[in-house]
Amino acid sequence: MKPARKSAFPKRRGFALIISMIFVLIFSALALSMAALSGTNVQIADNLCNANRARASAESGLEIVRFWLSNVAISGTTPVEMQFHEIANSLQSYLAANHPNVTAYCQTVPLPNGQYYASLVLHIPSVALDSDSGHTFSAQIVQFDAETLRLTVTGVYGSFTKTLSVNYVFGQRANTVF
């Protein structure tokens, strides 16, 4: 009879199973973290897209109000303290004649520390750019000082809002034949 051969390593039954289960757990944890990270990236991208849509609504509103203001003209002999009132009246008349579904109203508000020149604010409430997708904007115009108007436009898309402000300086235009 041959003597039994003795192994230098004692038998370790189930060792390979334990090691393979550890690797399966590690790779499962990595897969779950990658899936969670991917979901977070999708949410961040969606929020950025919606914020950009709100910004686009604000920029569109800014261009629309700029166009409306380009149709407003007041006399160069209008006293400084009446210029804003004349602009407000002219804009309200233009909107009533050309855009009856858009309203503009003036409101007197107390302004802290003389921050603005006048306490009259011209509001243009929510105007729909695209009623199907919820793109809207609102605007307000305040006389910042004797020669400057500040236009603030807020674009809205869903629950996202973006606000843009622009200053306009009074100027005189010569009459042209065109």
Protein backbone atom coordinates (compact mmCIF):
# COMPACT_ATOMS: atom_id res chain seq x y z
CA MET A 1 0.00 0.00 0.00
CA LYS A 2 1.13 3.46 -0.82
CA PRO A 3 1.39 6.01 1.91
CA ALA A 4 -1.20 8.83 1.73
CA ARG A 5 0.19 11.96 0.30
CA LYS A 6 -0.03 14.86 2.65
CA SER A 7 -0.75 18.32 1.19
CA ALA A 8 1.33 21.26 2.29
CA PHE A 9 -1.88 23.30 2.51
CA PRO A 10 -4.74 22.08 4.62
CA LYS A 11 -8.02 21.75 2.79
CA ARG A 12 -10.18 24.87 2.99
CA ARG A 13 -13.61 23.88 1.94
CA GLY A 14 -15.86 26.82 0.76
CA PHE A 15 -13.06 29.39 0.63
CA ALA A 16 -13.60 30.09 -3.08
CA LEU A 17 -17.33 30.59 -2.46
CA ILE A 18 -16.69 33.18 0.24
CA ILE A 19 -14.20 35.09 -1.93
CA SER A 20 -16.58 35.06 -4.92
CA MET A 21 -19.46 36.34 -2.72
CA ILE A 22 -17.25 39.21 -1.50
CA PHE A 23 -16.48 40.17 -5.11
CA VAL A 24 -20.19 39.97 -6.03
CA LEU A 25 -21.03 42.30 -3.12
CA ILE A 26 -18.29 44.78 -4.08
CA PHE A 27 -19.39 44.90 -7.72
CA SER A 28 -23.07 45.18 -6.70
CA ALA A 29 -22.25 48.16 -4.47
CA LEU A 30 -20.33 49.80 -7.32
CA ALA A 31 -23.24 49.22 -9.70
CA LEU A 32 -25.72 50.76 -7.23
CA SER A 33 -23.53 53.83 -6.68
CA MET A 34 -23.14 54.30 -10.45
CA ALA A 35 -26.92 54.05 -10.90
CA ALA A 36 -27.52 56.59 -8.12
CA LEU A 37 -24.93 58.95 -9.59
CA SER A 38 -26.50 58.60 -13.02
CA GLY A 39 -29.95 59.43 -11.62
CA THR A 40 -28.55 62.50 -9.87
CA ASN A 41 -26.90 63.67 -13.09
CA VAL A 42 -30.21 63.32 -14.96
CA GLN A 43 -31.97 65.44 -12.30
CA ILE A 44 -29.24 68.11 -12.45
CA ALA A 45 -29.48 68.22 -16.25
CA ASP A 46 -33.28 68.52 -16.09
CA ASN A 47 -33.06 71.38 -13.57
CA LEU A 48 -30.49 73.17 -15.72
CA CYS A 49 -32.70 72.76 -18.79
CA ASN A 50 -35.71 74.21 -16.96
CA ALA A 51 -33.64 77.11 -15.59
CA ASN A 52 -32.42 77.87 -19.12
CA ARG A 53 -36.03 77.85 -20.35
CA ALA A 54 -36.91 80.39 -17.65
CA ARG A 55 -33.91 82.51 -18.69
CA ALA A 56 -35.02 82.29 -22.33
CA SER A 57 -38.49 83.48 -21.25
CA ALA A 58 -36.90 86.46 -19.48
CA GLU A 59 -34.75 87.31 -22.50
CA SER A 60 -37.77 87.04 -24.82
CA GLY A 61 -39.77 89.25 -22.48
CA LEU A 62 -36.95 91.77 -22.43
CA GLU A 63 -36.95 91.95 -26.23
CA ILE A 64 -40.74 92.23 -26.37
CA VAL A 65 -40.86 95.08 -23.85
CA ARG A 66 -37.95 96.76 -25.66
CA PHE A 67 -39.99 96.58 -28.88
CA TRP A 68 -43.05 97.99 -27.12
CA LEU A 69 -40.96 100.84 -25.69
CA SER A 70 -39.56 101.58 -29.16
CA ASN A 71 -43.11 102.56 -30.14
CA VAL A 72 -43.30 105.07 -27.30
CA ALA A 73 -42.33 108.65 -27.99
CA ILE A 74 -42.74 111.72 -25.82
CA SER A 75 -42.07 115.33 -26.55
CA GLY A 76 -38.63 116.70 -25.80
CA THR A 77 -40.32 119.63 -24.05
CA THR A 78 -41.90 117.36 -21.41
CA PRO A 79 -40.68 118.37 -17.96
CA VAL A 80 -38.34 115.87 -16.30
CA GLU A 81 -40.78 115.13 -13.48
CA MET A 82 -43.50 114.22 -16.03
CA GLN A 83 -41.44 112.07 -18.42
CA PHE A 84 -42.14 108.80 -16.65
CA HIS A 85 -45.88 109.56 -16.51
CA GLU A 86 -45.90 110.31 -20.23
CA ILE A 87 -44.04 107.10 -21.02
CA ALA A 88 -46.44 105.08 -18.84
CA ASN A 89 -49.50 106.66 -20.47
CA SER A 90 -48.10 106.19 -23.96
CA LEU A 91 -47.19 102.54 -23.30
CA GLN A 92 -50.61 101.83 -21.79
CA SER A 93 -52.29 103.39 -24.85
CA TYR A 94 -50.08 101.40 -27.24
CA LEU A 95 -50.81 98.12 -25.45
CA ALA A 96 -54.56 98.83 -25.31
CA ALA A 97 -54.63 99.52 -29.05
CA ASN A 98 -52.30 96.74 -30.26
CA HIS A 99 -52.30 94.06 -27.55
CA PRO A 100 -55.68 94.14 -25.77
CA ASN A 101 -54.92 90.99 -23.75
CA VAL A 102 -51.81 92.62 -22.19
CA THR A 103 -52.36 95.15 -19.44
CA ALA A 104 -50.02 97.62 -17.85
CA TYR A 105 -50.84 99.51 -14.69
CA CYS A 106 -49.06 102.04 -12.54
CA GLN A 107 -48.64 101.67 -8.84
CA THR A 108 -47.25 104.10 -6.32
CA VAL A 109 -44.89 102.39 -3.93
CA PRO A 110 -42.82 103.74 -1.05
CA LEU A 111 -39.15 103.50 -1.94
CA PRO A 112 -36.52 103.25 0.81
CA ASN A 113 -33.75 105.80 1.19
CA GLY A 114 -34.52 107.61 -2.06
CA GLN A 115 -33.23 104.59 -4.00
CA TYR A 116 -35.30 105.55 -7.02
CA TYR A 117 -36.15 108.91 -8.50
CA ALA A 118 -39.92 108.47 -8.50
CA SER A 119 -42.21 106.26 -6.51
CA LEU A 120 -44.29 105.24 -9.52
CA VAL A 121 -43.83 101.74 -10.92
CA LEU A 122 -45.26 100.54 -14.24
CA HIS A 123 -46.21 96.86 -13.98
CA ILE A 124 -46.82 94.49 -16.87
CA PRO A 125 -48.26 91.36 -15.27
CA SER A 126 -47.82 87.85 -16.57
CA VAL A 127 -47.70 87.66 -20.37
CA ALA A 128 -47.87 84.20 -21.95
CA LEU A 129 -45.15 83.49 -24.50
CA ASP A 130 -46.31 79.91 -25.07
CA SER A 131 -49.42 78.87 -23.20
CA ASP A 132 -48.90 75.16 -23.96
CA SER A 133 -45.50 74.93 -22.30
CA GLY A 134 -45.98 77.56 -19.58
CA HIS A 135 -43.44 80.14 -20.79
CA THR A 136 -44.45 83.52 -19.32
CA PHE A 137 -42.84 86.78 -18.29
CA SER A 138 -43.73 89.81 -16.24
CA ALA A 139 -42.05 93.20 -16.18
CA GLN A 140 -41.83 96.38 -14.20
CA ILE A 141 -40.39 99.74 -15.12
CA VAL A 142 -39.15 102.20 -12.51
CA GLN A 143 -37.59 105.62 -13.02
CA PHE A 144 -34.14 105.14 -11.51
CA ASP A 145 -33.07 108.78 -11.74
CA ALA A 146 -33.93 111.86 -13.81
CA GLU A 147 -32.51 110.33 -17.01
CA THR A 148 -32.71 106.57 -16.44
CA LEU A 149 -35.46 103.94 -16.49
CA ARG A 150 -34.84 100.49 -15.04
CA LEU A 151 -36.67 97.63 -16.73
CA THR A 152 -36.82 94.40 -14.74
CA VAL A 153 -38.19 91.31 -16.51
CA THR A 154 -38.90 88.00 -14.78
CA GLY A 155 -39.17 84.91 -16.96
CA VAL A 156 -41.09 81.90 -15.65
CA TYR A 157 -41.06 78.27 -16.71
CA GLY A 158 -42.84 75.90 -14.36
CA SER A 159 -41.47 76.58 -10.88
CA PHE A 160 -38.28 78.19 -12.21
CA THR A 161 -37.81 81.97 -12.48
CA LYS A 162 -35.00 84.11 -13.83
CA THR A 163 -34.82 87.89 -13.61
CA LEU A 164 -33.01 90.33 -15.90
CA SER A 165 -32.59 94.08 -15.40
CA VAL A 166 -31.68 96.71 -17.96
CA ASN A 167 -31.27 100.47 -17.64
CA TYR A 168 -32.51 102.79 -20.39
CA VAL A 169 -31.31 106.35 -20.68
CA PHE A 170 -33.58 109.05 -22.08
CA GLY A 171 -32.41 110.33 -25.43
CA GLN A 172 -33.60 112.49 -28.26
CA ARG A 173 -34.04 111.28 -31.80
CA ALA A 174 -34.07 113.52 -34.80
CA ASN A 175 -36.97 113.26 -37.18
CA THR A 176 -36.27 111.24 -40.28
CA VAL A 177 -38.10 110.68 -43.53
CA PHE A 178 -38.21 106.93 -42.91
